[in-house]
Amino acid sequence: MKPYRFLALLLFVFAVMAFRFSSGDKQINKNTKEESIKWITFQEAEKLNKKQPRKILVDIYTDWCGWCKKMDKSTFSDAKTAAYVNKHYYAVKLNAETKEEIVLNGKTYRFKTDWGVNEIAAELLQGKMGYPSTVYLDEKFNMLAPVMGFYDVKKFDNLLRYYAENHYKKGSFEDFAAKNQ
């Protein structure tokens, strides 16, 4: 076989393979596209809540927190969890150490150098700074509960339902979780 024919055949084979892989990837992406949590700011949550009230879920994290990163990669990235959060909550992601001013319900929260955290994180966590923490607020931004620690998908889904479906008004989380294992 002459060298130019071999080269032409080789180019043809690569072109066919490239076409097959690229069209296959598109098909894979269409079938595996998963829903993710739509994280918003407190200001966006306030605005949206005026039109359509929902409970608020606040993920309080820090950049250096390993368990926060694990929760992002496992729990928060679960498609069913994301779909449930997006349907029942406005989800706010809050870096406890943000130096940005945050305005919520007309109050301005600032970074406190002596504390090393933003005032809103300290207020939401009631001064018990631990990460990750998930804070549940009602439709009027009243505190339901701060929940500290990493939660896997199953336990986190129980927490989500406990607050979103108002089970907290009927009994303890422990009783709810025992019934929903």
C-alpha atoms as a PDB file:
ATOM      1  CA  MET A   1       0.000   0.000   0.000  1.00  0.00           C
ATOM      2  CA  LYS A   2       1.354   3.408  -0.920  1.00  0.00           C
ATOM      3  CA  PRO A   3       2.073   5.796   1.980  1.00  0.00           C
ATOM      4  CA  TYR A   4      -0.507   8.416   0.914  1.00  0.00           C
ATOM      5  CA  ARG A   5      -3.279   5.777   0.730  1.00  0.00           C
ATOM      6  CA  PHE A   6      -2.360   4.535   4.192  1.00  0.00           C
ATOM      7  CA  LEU A   7      -2.425   8.109   5.476  1.00  0.00           C
ATOM      8  CA  ALA A   8      -5.818   8.753   3.822  1.00  0.00           C
ATOM      9  CA  LEU A   9      -7.227   5.545   5.312  1.00  0.00           C
ATOM     10  CA  LEU A  10      -5.871   6.464   8.733  1.00  0.00           C
ATOM     11  CA  LEU A  11      -7.424   9.963   8.526  1.00  0.00           C
ATOM     12  CA  PHE A  12     -10.743   8.424   7.454  1.00  0.00           C
ATOM     13  CA  VAL A  13     -10.728   6.034  10.433  1.00  0.00           C
ATOM     14  CA  PHE A  14      -9.953   8.884  12.863  1.00  0.00           C
ATOM     15  CA  ALA A  15     -12.726  11.034  11.350  1.00  0.00           C
ATOM     16  CA  VAL A  16     -15.285   8.230  11.731  1.00  0.00           C
ATOM     17  CA  MET A  17     -14.198   7.566  15.317  1.00  0.00           C
ATOM     18  CA  ALA A  18     -14.311  11.262  16.208  1.00  0.00           C
ATOM     19  CA  PHE A  19     -17.819  11.555  14.755  1.00  0.00           C
ATOM     20  CA  ARG A  20     -19.059   8.476  16.622  1.00  0.00           C
ATOM     21  CA  PHE A  21     -17.579   9.605  19.971  1.00  0.00           C
ATOM     22  CA  SER A  22     -18.817  13.178  19.659  1.00  0.00           C
ATOM     23  CA  SER A  23     -22.378  12.162  18.718  1.00  0.00           C
ATOM     24  CA  GLY A  24     -22.304   9.483  21.428  1.00  0.00           C
ATOM     25  CA  ASP A  25     -21.279  12.068  24.032  1.00  0.00           C
ATOM     26  CA  LYS A  26     -24.204  14.253  23.088  1.00  0.00           C
ATOM     27  CA  GLN A  27     -26.547  11.339  23.589  1.00  0.00           C
ATOM     28  CA  ILE A  28     -24.970  10.467  26.943  1.00  0.00           C
ATOM     29  CA  ASN A  29     -25.238  14.062  28.141  1.00  0.00           C
ATOM     30  CA  LYS A  30     -28.903  14.237  27.197  1.00  0.00           C
ATOM     31  CA  ASN A  31     -29.684  11.081  29.136  1.00  0.00           C
ATOM     32  CA  THR A  32     -27.630  11.803  32.240  1.00  0.00           C
ATOM     33  CA  LYS A  33     -28.230  15.533  32.696  1.00  0.00           C
ATOM     34  CA  GLU A  34     -29.108  15.816  36.350  1.00  0.00           C
ATOM     35  CA  GLU A  35     -30.810  18.573  38.229  1.00  0.00           C
ATOM     36  CA  SER A  36     -28.692  20.624  40.594  1.00  0.00           C
ATOM     37  CA  ILE A  37     -29.648  22.894  43.474  1.00  0.00           C
ATOM     38  CA  LYS A  38     -30.351  26.439  42.360  1.00  0.00           C
ATOM     39  CA  TRP A  39     -28.311  28.397  44.907  1.00  0.00           C
ATOM     40  CA  ILE A  40     -29.317  32.047  45.267  1.00  0.00           C
ATOM     41  CA  THR A  41     -28.506  35.023  47.505  1.00  0.00           C
ATOM     42  CA  PHE A  42     -30.533  36.203  50.485  1.00  0.00           C
ATOM     43  CA  GLN A  43     -31.665  39.196  48.426  1.00  0.00           C
ATOM     44  CA  GLU A  44     -32.940  36.930  45.643  1.00  0.00           C
ATOM     45  CA  ALA A  45     -34.686  34.714  48.202  1.00  0.00           C
ATOM     46  CA  GLU A  46     -36.424  37.742  49.721  1.00  0.00           C
ATOM     47  CA  LYS A  47     -37.601  38.910  46.307  1.00  0.00           C
ATOM     48  CA  LEU A  48     -38.815  35.467  45.196  1.00  0.00           C
ATOM     49  CA  ASN A  49     -40.449  34.829  48.568  1.00  0.00           C
ATOM     50  CA  LYS A  50     -42.684  37.887  48.138  1.00  0.00           C
ATOM     51  CA  LYS A  51     -44.141  36.377  44.958  1.00  0.00           C
ATOM     52  CA  GLN A  52     -44.207  32.725  46.018  1.00  0.00           C
ATOM     53  CA  PRO A  53     -43.504  32.006  49.716  1.00  0.00           C
ATOM     54  CA  ARG A  54     -41.301  29.008  50.493  1.00  0.00           C
ATOM     55  CA  LYS A  55     -39.106  27.924  53.320  1.00  0.00           C
ATOM     56  CA  ILE A  56     -35.452  28.913  53.126  1.00  0.00           C
ATOM     57  CA  LEU A  57     -32.531  26.491  53.354  1.00  0.00           C
ATOM     58  CA  VAL A  58     -29.163  28.072  54.155  1.00  0.00           C
ATOM     59  CA  ASP A  59     -25.982  26.063  53.638  1.00  0.00           C
ATOM     60  CA  ILE A  60     -23.320  27.663  55.829  1.00  0.00           C
ATOM     61  CA  TYR A  61     -19.811  26.631  54.844  1.00  0.00           C
ATOM     62  CA  THR A  62     -16.215  27.830  54.719  1.00  0.00           C
ATOM     63  CA  ASP A  63     -13.657  27.441  51.954  1.00  0.00           C
ATOM     64  CA  TRP A  64     -11.322  25.377  54.180  1.00  0.00           C
ATOM     65  CA  CYS A  65     -13.985  22.934  55.431  1.00  0.00           C
ATOM     66  CA  GLY A  66     -13.440  19.401  54.108  1.00  0.00           C
ATOM     67  CA  TRP A  67     -16.845  18.103  55.250  1.00  0.00           C
ATOM     68  CA  CYS A  68     -18.503  21.051  53.482  1.00  0.00           C
ATOM     69  CA  LYS A  69     -16.849  19.984  50.234  1.00  0.00           C
ATOM     70  CA  LYS A  70     -17.899  16.371  50.818  1.00  0.00           C
ATOM     71  CA  MET A  71     -21.499  17.469  51.382  1.00  0.00           C
ATOM     72  CA  ASP A  72     -21.388  19.489  48.136  1.00  0.00           C
ATOM     73  CA  LYS A  73     -20.057  16.508  46.181  1.00  0.00           C
ATOM     74  CA  SER A  74     -22.314  13.839  47.644  1.00  0.00           C
ATOM     75  CA  THR A  75     -25.475  15.137  49.298  1.00  0.00           C
ATOM     76  CA  PHE A  76     -26.097  18.415  47.477  1.00  0.00           C
ATOM     77  CA  SER A  77     -25.221  16.911  44.094  1.00  0.00           C
ATOM     78  CA  ASP A  78     -27.805  14.113  44.382  1.00  0.00           C
ATOM     79  CA  ALA A  79     -30.406  14.720  41.640  1.00  0.00           C
ATOM     80  CA  LYS A  80     -33.446  13.727  43.741  1.00  0.00           C
ATOM     81  CA  THR A  81     -32.289  15.877  46.650  1.00  0.00           C
ATOM     82  CA  ALA A  82     -31.724  18.818  44.310  1.00  0.00           C
ATOM     83  CA  ALA A  83     -35.174  18.429  42.754  1.00  0.00           C
ATOM     84  CA  TYR A  84     -36.809  18.360  46.194  1.00  0.00           C
ATOM     85  CA  VAL A  85     -34.869  21.402  47.411  1.00  0.00           C
ATOM     86  CA  ASN A  86     -35.692  23.368  44.250  1.00  0.00           C
ATOM     87  CA  LYS A  87     -39.396  22.564  44.580  1.00  0.00           C
ATOM     88  CA  HIS A  88     -39.848  23.288  48.303  1.00  0.00           C
ATOM     89  CA  TYR A  89     -37.124  25.753  49.314  1.00  0.00           C
ATOM     90  CA  TYR A  90     -35.164  28.773  48.281  1.00  0.00           C
ATOM     91  CA  ALA A  91     -31.592  27.617  48.766  1.00  0.00           C
ATOM     92  CA  VAL A  92     -28.938  30.091  49.902  1.00  0.00           C
ATOM     93  CA  LYS A  93     -25.243  29.199  50.046  1.00  0.00           C
ATOM     94  CA  LEU A  94     -23.435  31.317  52.638  1.00  0.00           C
ATOM     95  CA  ASN A  95     -19.688  31.413  53.174  1.00  0.00           C
ATOM     96  CA  ALA A  96     -19.506  32.154  56.904  1.00  0.00           C
ATOM     97  CA  GLU A  97     -16.283  34.085  56.333  1.00  0.00           C
ATOM     98  CA  THR A  98     -17.556  36.358  53.563  1.00  0.00           C
ATOM     99  CA  LYS A  99     -16.429  39.932  53.873  1.00  0.00           C
ATOM    100  CA  GLU A 100     -19.324  41.162  51.736  1.00  0.00           C
ATOM    101  CA  GLU A 101     -22.135  43.054  53.423  1.00  0.00           C
ATOM    102  CA  ILE A 102     -25.414  41.137  53.385  1.00  0.00           C
ATOM    103  CA  VAL A 103     -28.758  42.861  53.763  1.00  0.00           C
ATOM    104  CA  LEU A 104     -31.683  40.771  54.996  1.00  0.00           C
ATOM    105  CA  ASN A 105     -35.038  42.102  56.175  1.00  0.00           C
ATOM    106  CA  GLY A 106     -33.603  45.610  56.195  1.00  0.00           C
ATOM    107  CA  LYS A 107     -30.674  44.696  58.473  1.00  0.00           C
ATOM    108  CA  THR A 108     -27.079  44.919  57.254  1.00  0.00           C
ATOM    109  CA  TYR A 109     -24.667  42.195  58.324  1.00  0.00           C
ATOM    110  CA  ARG A 110     -20.911  42.766  58.168  1.00  0.00           C
ATOM    111  CA  PHE A 111     -17.745  40.751  58.567  1.00  0.00           C
ATOM    112  CA  LYS A 112     -16.419  40.911  62.118  1.00  0.00           C
ATOM    113  CA  THR A 113     -12.629  40.742  62.133  1.00  0.00           C
ATOM    114  CA  ASP A 114     -12.462  39.794  65.805  1.00  0.00           C
ATOM    115  CA  TRP A 115     -14.878  36.903  65.218  1.00  0.00           C
ATOM    116  CA  GLY A 116     -13.506  35.894  61.812  1.00  0.00           C
ATOM    117  CA  VAL A 117     -17.036  35.467  60.452  1.00  0.00           C
ATOM    118  CA  ASN A 118     -19.883  37.485  59.029  1.00  0.00           C
ATOM    119  CA  GLU A 119     -22.504  38.548  61.573  1.00  0.00           C
ATOM    120  CA  ILE A 120     -25.280  36.764  59.701  1.00  0.00           C
ATOM    121  CA  ALA A 121     -23.516  33.400  60.031  1.00  0.00           C
ATOM    122  CA  ALA A 122     -23.030  33.935  63.765  1.00  0.00           C
ATOM    123  CA  GLU A 123     -26.673  34.934  64.175  1.00  0.00           C
ATOM    124  CA  LEU A 124     -28.045  32.021  62.158  1.00  0.00           C
ATOM    125  CA  LEU A 125     -25.844  29.543  64.023  1.00  0.00           C
ATOM    126  CA  GLN A 126     -26.657  31.181  67.345  1.00  0.00           C
ATOM    127  CA  GLY A 127     -22.947  31.681  68.015  1.00  0.00           C
ATOM    128  CA  LYS A 128     -22.138  27.961  67.712  1.00  0.00           C
ATOM    129  CA  MET A 129     -19.829  28.054  64.744  1.00  0.00           C
ATOM    130  CA  GLY A 130     -19.532  24.632  63.126  1.00  0.00           C
ATOM    131  CA  TYR A 131     -19.328  23.629  59.496  1.00  0.00           C
ATOM    132  CA  PRO A 132     -21.097  22.475  57.514  1.00  0.00           C
ATOM    133  CA  SER A 133     -24.365  23.704  58.971  1.00  0.00           C
ATOM    134  CA  THR A 134     -27.774  23.845  57.380  1.00  0.00           C
ATOM    135  CA  VAL A 135     -30.208  26.402  58.680  1.00  0.00           C
ATOM    136  CA  TYR A 136     -33.931  26.062  58.068  1.00  0.00           C
ATOM    137  CA  LEU A 137     -36.056  29.218  58.015  1.00  0.00           C
ATOM    138  CA  ASP A 138     -39.803  29.516  57.532  1.00  0.00           C
ATOM    139  CA  GLU A 139     -41.462  31.548  54.790  1.00  0.00           C
ATOM    140  CA  LYS A 140     -41.051  34.738  56.853  1.00  0.00           C
ATOM    141  CA  PHE A 141     -37.352  34.114  57.503  1.00  0.00           C
ATOM    142  CA  ASN A 142     -38.008  33.042  61.098  1.00  0.00           C
ATOM    143  CA  MET A 143     -35.641  30.436  62.494  1.00  0.00           C
ATOM    144  CA  LEU A 144     -36.853  26.849  62.470  1.00  0.00           C
ATOM    145  CA  ALA A 145     -33.525  25.247  63.330  1.00  0.00           C
ATOM    146  CA  PRO A 146     -29.796  25.315  62.716  1.00  0.00           C
ATOM    147  CA  VAL A 147     -28.551  21.784  62.030  1.00  0.00           C
ATOM    148  CA  MET A 148     -24.825  21.209  62.317  1.00  0.00           C
ATOM    149  CA  GLY A 149     -22.751  18.572  60.628  1.00  0.00           C
ATOM    150  CA  PHE A 150     -22.449  16.463  57.519  1.00  0.00           C
ATOM    151  CA  TYR A 151     -25.532  14.520  56.431  1.00  0.00           C
ATOM    152  CA  ASP A 152     -25.681  11.815  53.800  1.00  0.00           C
ATOM    153  CA  VAL A 153     -28.495  11.831  51.239  1.00  0.00           C
ATOM    154  CA  LYS A 154     -30.931   9.659  53.238  1.00  0.00           C
ATOM    155  CA  LYS A 155     -30.639  11.613  56.497  1.00  0.00           C
ATOM    156  CA  PHE A 156     -30.624  14.943  54.680  1.00  0.00           C
ATOM    157  CA  ASP A 157     -33.764  14.032  52.727  1.00  0.00           C
ATOM    158  CA  ASN A 158     -35.496  13.262  56.035  1.00  0.00           C
ATOM    159  CA  LEU A 159     -34.503  16.701  57.338  1.00  0.00           C
ATOM    160  CA  LEU A 160     -35.721  18.370  54.161  1.00  0.00           C
ATOM    161  CA  ARG A 161     -39.125  16.695  54.392  1.00  0.00           C
ATOM    162  CA  TYR A 162     -39.376  17.247  58.138  1.00  0.00           C
ATOM    163  CA  TYR A 163     -39.249  21.015  57.686  1.00  0.00           C
ATOM    164  CA  ALA A 164     -40.773  21.453  54.217  1.00  0.00           C
ATOM    165  CA  GLU A 165     -43.840  19.343  55.019  1.00  0.00           C
ATOM    166  CA  ASN A 166     -44.318  20.912  58.479  1.00  0.00           C
ATOM    167  CA  HIS A 167     -43.699  17.682  60.411  1.00  0.00           C
ATOM    168  CA  TYR A 168     -41.747  19.799  62.912  1.00  0.00           C
ATOM    169  CA  LYS A 169     -45.110  21.168  64.096  1.00  0.00           C
ATOM    170  CA  LYS A 170     -46.294  17.658  65.034  1.00  0.00           C
ATOM    171  CA  GLY A 171     -43.308  16.075  66.754  1.00  0.00           C
ATOM    172  CA  SER A 172     -39.580  15.647  67.093  1.00  0.00           C
ATOM    173  CA  PHE A 173     -37.226  14.959  64.227  1.00  0.00           C
ATOM    174  CA  GLU A 174     -36.067  11.756  65.937  1.00  0.00           C
ATOM    175  CA  ASP A 175     -39.643  10.379  65.929  1.00  0.00           C
ATOM    176  CA  PHE A 176     -40.121  11.446  62.298  1.00  0.00           C
ATOM    177  CA  ALA A 177     -36.820   9.873  61.219  1.00  0.00           C
ATOM    178  CA  ALA A 178     -37.591   6.612  63.064  1.00  0.00           C
ATOM    179  CA  LYS A 179     -40.858   6.292  61.132  1.00  0.00           C
ATOM    180  CA  ASN A 180     -39.195   7.093  57.801  1.00  0.00           C
ATOM    181  CA  GLN A 181     -36.126   4.845  57.731  1.00  0.00           C
END
